[in-house]
Every structure is written in structure tokens, then in C-alpha cells.
């Protein structure tokens, strides 16, 4: 069974892209869409060609595309950052039954789908930049149009008490492509009761 350490490489690249997007809040809609499209193309090339791709060589030969929801700026939300008073360490279960340690850093609270939503932001115990967070979530599309084990977003604090979450950047964990990988399971706090029709769809 492969571990999820290779996931870190992919995550690092996604974090870099996410940082660029969150720092350009004043961009016009056309520029925003172009940047999301460029990120999707980069993601496709990584999965299709990179040596660290979770796809097997046989899968790569048959691989044609990744599928996404249409880009919708409404799914780029500004959330209120609510720090945890007691930043406990949580052992997050992985899909292979093992566990990985994260800090329960804070909650992101935002309005979407006609209601107030709240997501737990985790931080790797090895994270050196205290503004970077890992967000694993599931929603009403999970197991239907999107991967049943949830999706990920790498987010970065961009205000003293705020953080931008762009669900158009939601991506699948490696285990969505190859069950030999072990991936973090979204915590119970991050099971949304609304559909997030943005970001990457299920891999077929």
C-alpha cells in the first residue's frame, strides 16, 4: 500500500496556484476565468504526464481529460476566520485505516446556498507558513457527481480575520484515481448540507 507522502508534492503546487488567486481579488471576471482554466490545464498535465501522478501507466494511456463543473465566481467566498481557543492536535483517519496528525486551527464561516456554513481548517504539524491551511470537505454532490471520499482545497489566510475559499479550485485526492493511495478523510465538521457544484468532478 502506498502512503500519501507523494500527495504533498501535488498539494504544494496547488497551494502555489491558490495563493496567486487569493491575492488577486480585484481581478475582472474574464481574468479570473482564464486563471482557473489555466490551473485546470496545469492539473490535467500533471495527472496525465508527471512521474508523480497517481495514475498507473495503463491508466495514463487511456486518460483523456479531467471533468469539472463550469467556473462560477459565486463559489469564491470570503469567510470569517474564527480561531480555535484550544488548538488541539487531531489524528485524521486516512482511507487505508492509518492516521495523520493535524492541528485544529480555526473555523471558516461563510454564506452560501442560502445558509451559513462552517468548515474546520486544519494545519499540518509540519507547516512552516502559519497562513496556509488544508481543507477537506464533502457535500451533497459527494458519491454522485463528485468523489465519495470528499475533495480538498488548499487555502491561505488573506486577512486578519478573513480567508478566501474558492470552491472552483476543489480537487480530488489521489485515492480518487488510484485506491493504492491513502488520503485524509474529511472531518465530520466538514460535511456540508448543501451541494458544492464547483471544482473537480469524479474521475471515471
Protein backbone atom coordinates (compact mmCIF):
# COMPACT_ATOMS: atom_id res chain seq x y z
CA UNK A 1 0.00 0.00 0.00
CA UNK A 2 1.42 3.33 -0.99
CA UNK A 3 1.39 6.09 1.59
CA UNK A 4 0.13 9.59 0.89
CA UNK A 5 3.52 11.27 1.05
CA UNK A 6 3.52 11.83 -2.73
CA UNK A 7 0.30 13.82 -2.22
CA UNK A 8 2.43 16.53 -0.60
CA UNK A 9 4.12 17.29 -3.93
CA UNK A 10 0.82 17.77 -5.71
CA UNK A 11 -0.59 19.78 -2.80
CA UNK A 12 2.42 22.13 -2.83
CA UNK A 13 1.79 23.02 -6.46
CA UNK A 14 -1.92 23.55 -5.80
CA UNK A 15 -1.11 25.78 -2.82
CA UNK A 16 1.05 27.98 -5.02
CA UNK A 17 -1.76 28.38 -7.51
CA UNK A 18 -4.28 29.08 -4.76
CA UNK A 19 -2.06 31.77 -3.28
CA UNK A 20 -1.92 33.58 -6.59
CA UNK A 21 -5.69 33.50 -6.94
CA UNK A 22 -6.49 34.68 -3.43
CA UNK A 23 -4.15 37.64 -3.77
CA UNK A 24 -5.89 38.92 -6.88
CA UNK A 25 -9.37 39.68 -5.53
CA UNK A 26 -9.67 42.83 -7.67
CA UNK A 27 -9.34 40.98 -10.96
CA UNK A 28 -12.09 41.20 -13.55
CA UNK A 29 -14.32 38.16 -14.28
CA UNK A 30 -12.61 37.35 -17.59
CA UNK A 31 -9.16 37.32 -15.99
CA UNK A 32 -10.46 35.17 -13.15
CA UNK A 33 -11.92 32.60 -15.54
CA UNK A 34 -8.69 32.50 -17.55
CA UNK A 35 -6.69 31.79 -14.39
CA UNK A 36 -9.00 28.97 -13.32
CA UNK A 37 -8.81 27.47 -16.80
CA UNK A 38 -5.02 27.68 -16.73
CA UNK A 39 -4.94 25.92 -13.37
CA UNK A 40 -7.19 23.16 -14.69
CA UNK A 41 -4.90 22.69 -17.68
CA UNK A 42 -1.89 22.50 -15.35
CA UNK A 43 -3.70 19.95 -13.21
CA UNK A 44 -4.55 17.84 -16.27
CA UNK A 45 -0.94 17.83 -17.45
CA UNK A 46 0.29 16.82 -14.01
CA UNK A 47 -2.12 13.89 -13.82
CA UNK A 48 -1.51 12.85 -17.42
CA UNK A 49 2.27 13.21 -17.69
CA UNK A 50 4.03 13.73 -14.37
CA UNK A 51 6.07 10.90 -12.91
CA UNK A 52 4.40 11.59 -9.54
CA UNK A 53 0.91 11.21 -10.98
CA UNK A 54 -1.35 8.77 -9.10
CA UNK A 55 -2.34 7.15 -12.39
CA UNK A 56 -0.76 3.87 -13.39
CA UNK A 57 0.92 3.68 -16.79
CA UNK A 58 -2.09 1.76 -18.06
CA UNK A 59 -4.45 4.45 -16.81
CA UNK A 60 -2.33 7.16 -18.43
CA UNK A 61 -2.66 5.50 -21.83
CA UNK A 62 -6.46 5.73 -21.62
CA UNK A 63 -6.63 9.07 -19.83
CA UNK A 64 -8.31 11.81 -21.87
CA UNK A 65 -9.46 14.54 -19.52
CA UNK A 66 -10.44 15.68 -16.05
CA UNK A 67 -14.03 16.77 -15.63
CA UNK A 68 -15.07 19.96 -13.83
CA UNK A 69 -18.15 21.99 -13.09
CA UNK A 70 -18.44 25.23 -15.07
CA UNK A 71 -16.46 28.04 -13.46
CA UNK A 72 -18.76 30.02 -11.17
CA UNK A 73 -17.37 33.08 -9.32
CA UNK A 74 -20.22 32.74 -6.81
CA UNK A 75 -18.33 29.81 -5.32
CA UNK A 76 -15.38 32.01 -4.45
CA UNK A 77 -16.38 33.12 -0.96
CA UNK A 78 -14.90 35.39 1.66
CA UNK A 79 -15.13 33.62 5.01
CA UNK A 80 -14.84 34.86 8.56
CA UNK A 81 -11.88 33.29 10.32
CA UNK A 82 -12.81 32.07 13.81
CA UNK A 83 -9.70 30.82 15.66
CA UNK A 84 -9.92 27.83 17.99
CA UNK A 85 -9.05 28.80 21.52
CA UNK A 86 -7.63 25.35 22.12
CA UNK A 87 -5.67 24.33 19.05
CA UNK A 88 -5.69 20.61 19.66
CA UNK A 89 -3.92 18.01 17.55
CA UNK A 90 -6.33 15.73 15.72
CA UNK A 91 -5.49 12.35 14.30
CA UNK A 92 -7.27 12.42 10.96
CA UNK A 93 -8.17 8.96 9.57
CA UNK A 94 -6.82 8.04 6.14
CA UNK A 95 -8.53 5.80 3.62
CA UNK A 96 -6.19 2.88 4.40
CA UNK A 97 -7.04 2.93 8.12
CA UNK A 98 -3.90 4.79 9.22
CA UNK A 99 -3.95 8.31 10.71
CA UNK A 100 -2.21 11.61 10.10
CA UNK A 101 -1.82 14.42 12.62
CA UNK A 102 -3.15 17.93 12.01
CA UNK A 103 -3.75 20.97 14.20
CA UNK A 104 -7.39 22.05 14.57
CA UNK A 105 -6.54 25.64 13.79
CA UNK A 106 -9.76 27.57 13.16
CA UNK A 107 -13.17 27.64 11.52
CA UNK A 108 -14.14 29.42 8.32
CA UNK A 109 -17.71 30.73 8.39
CA UNK A 110 -19.42 31.93 5.21
CA UNK A 111 -22.76 32.37 3.47
CA UNK A 112 -23.52 30.04 0.57
CA UNK A 113 -26.56 28.14 -0.64
CA UNK A 114 -28.89 30.35 1.37
CA UNK A 115 -27.37 29.44 4.71
CA UNK A 116 -24.42 29.99 7.00
CA UNK A 117 -21.77 27.29 6.64
CA UNK A 118 -18.83 26.48 8.87
CA UNK A 119 -15.75 24.47 7.94
CA UNK A 120 -12.83 23.33 10.07
CA UNK A 121 -9.43 24.44 8.82
CA UNK A 122 -6.63 22.01 9.56
CA UNK A 123 -2.94 22.77 9.57
CA UNK A 124 -0.16 20.26 9.12
CA UNK A 125 2.02 19.94 12.19
CA UNK A 126 4.96 20.36 9.81
CA UNK A 127 3.61 23.56 8.20
CA UNK A 128 6.14 26.39 8.29
CA UNK A 129 3.86 29.13 6.94
CA UNK A 130 1.15 29.72 9.54
CA UNK A 131 -1.15 31.26 6.91
CA UNK A 132 -1.58 28.01 4.99
CA UNK A 133 -4.40 25.58 5.76
CA UNK A 134 -5.73 22.27 4.50
CA UNK A 135 -9.46 21.95 3.88
CA UNK A 136 -11.04 18.56 3.26
CA UNK A 137 -14.79 18.60 2.74
CA UNK A 138 -17.73 16.60 1.45
CA UNK A 139 -21.11 17.91 0.32
CA UNK A 140 -24.41 16.93 -1.27
CA UNK A 141 -22.69 16.10 -4.58
CA UNK A 142 -20.34 13.57 -2.95
CA UNK A 143 -20.80 9.98 -4.22
CA UNK A 144 -23.00 11.31 -7.02
CA UNK A 145 -21.22 13.81 -9.23
CA UNK A 146 -18.06 14.12 -7.14
CA UNK A 147 -15.76 11.71 -5.37
CA UNK A 148 -17.45 9.97 -2.43
CA UNK A 149 -14.45 10.44 -0.18
CA UNK A 150 -14.65 14.23 -0.46
CA UNK A 151 -12.49 16.86 -2.10
CA UNK A 152 -9.68 19.15 -1.00
CA UNK A 153 -8.84 22.84 -1.18
CA UNK A 154 -5.60 24.41 -0.03
CA UNK A 155 -6.39 27.83 1.39
CA UNK A 156 -4.31 30.74 2.61
CA UNK A 157 -5.26 33.41 5.10
CA UNK A 158 -5.53 36.74 3.28
CA UNK A 159 -6.84 38.99 6.04
CA UNK A 160 -6.51 39.41 9.79
CA UNK A 161 -9.91 37.83 10.40
CA UNK A 162 -10.82 36.54 6.96
CA UNK A 163 -9.90 33.89 4.44
CA UNK A 164 -10.93 33.25 0.84
CA UNK A 165 -12.25 29.82 -0.11
CA UNK A 166 -12.53 29.19 -3.84
CA UNK A 167 -14.51 26.02 -4.45
CA UNK A 168 -13.69 26.30 -8.16
CA UNK A 169 -10.24 25.07 -7.06
CA UNK A 170 -11.59 21.98 -5.27
CA UNK A 171 -9.68 18.93 -6.44
CA UNK A 172 -9.78 15.18 -5.93
CA UNK A 173 -7.44 13.33 -3.60
CA UNK A 174 -5.09 10.79 -5.15
CA UNK A 175 -7.21 7.89 -3.94
CA UNK A 176 -9.99 9.06 -6.27
CA UNK A 177 -7.73 7.93 -9.14
CA UNK A 178 -5.93 5.02 -7.53
CA UNK A 179 -7.07 3.14 -4.38
CA UNK A 180 -3.46 2.24 -3.58
CA UNK A 181 -3.04 5.75 -2.15
CA UNK A 182 -4.00 6.72 1.37
CA UNK A 183 -5.80 10.06 1.70
CA UNK A 184 -7.24 12.08 4.61
CA UNK A 185 -10.98 11.69 5.15
CA UNK A 186 -12.94 14.93 5.69
CA UNK A 187 -13.68 15.52 9.38
CA UNK A 188 -17.33 15.31 10.48
CA UNK A 189 -17.41 19.11 10.88
CA UNK A 190 -16.82 19.47 7.13
CA UNK A 191 -19.78 17.51 5.79
CA UNK A 192 -21.77 20.29 4.13
CA UNK A 193 -25.54 20.03 3.82
CA UNK A 194 -25.53 21.91 0.53
CA UNK A 195 -24.30 20.91 -2.95
CA UNK A 196 -20.97 22.44 -3.99
CA UNK A 197 -21.35 22.42 -7.77
CA UNK A 198 -17.87 23.76 -8.39
CA UNK A 199 -14.42 22.33 -8.86
CA UNK A 200 -13.44 18.86 -9.97
CA UNK A 201 -15.98 16.12 -10.59
CA UNK A 202 -15.49 12.42 -10.03
CA UNK A 203 -12.79 10.61 -12.02
CA UNK A 204 -14.14 7.90 -14.29
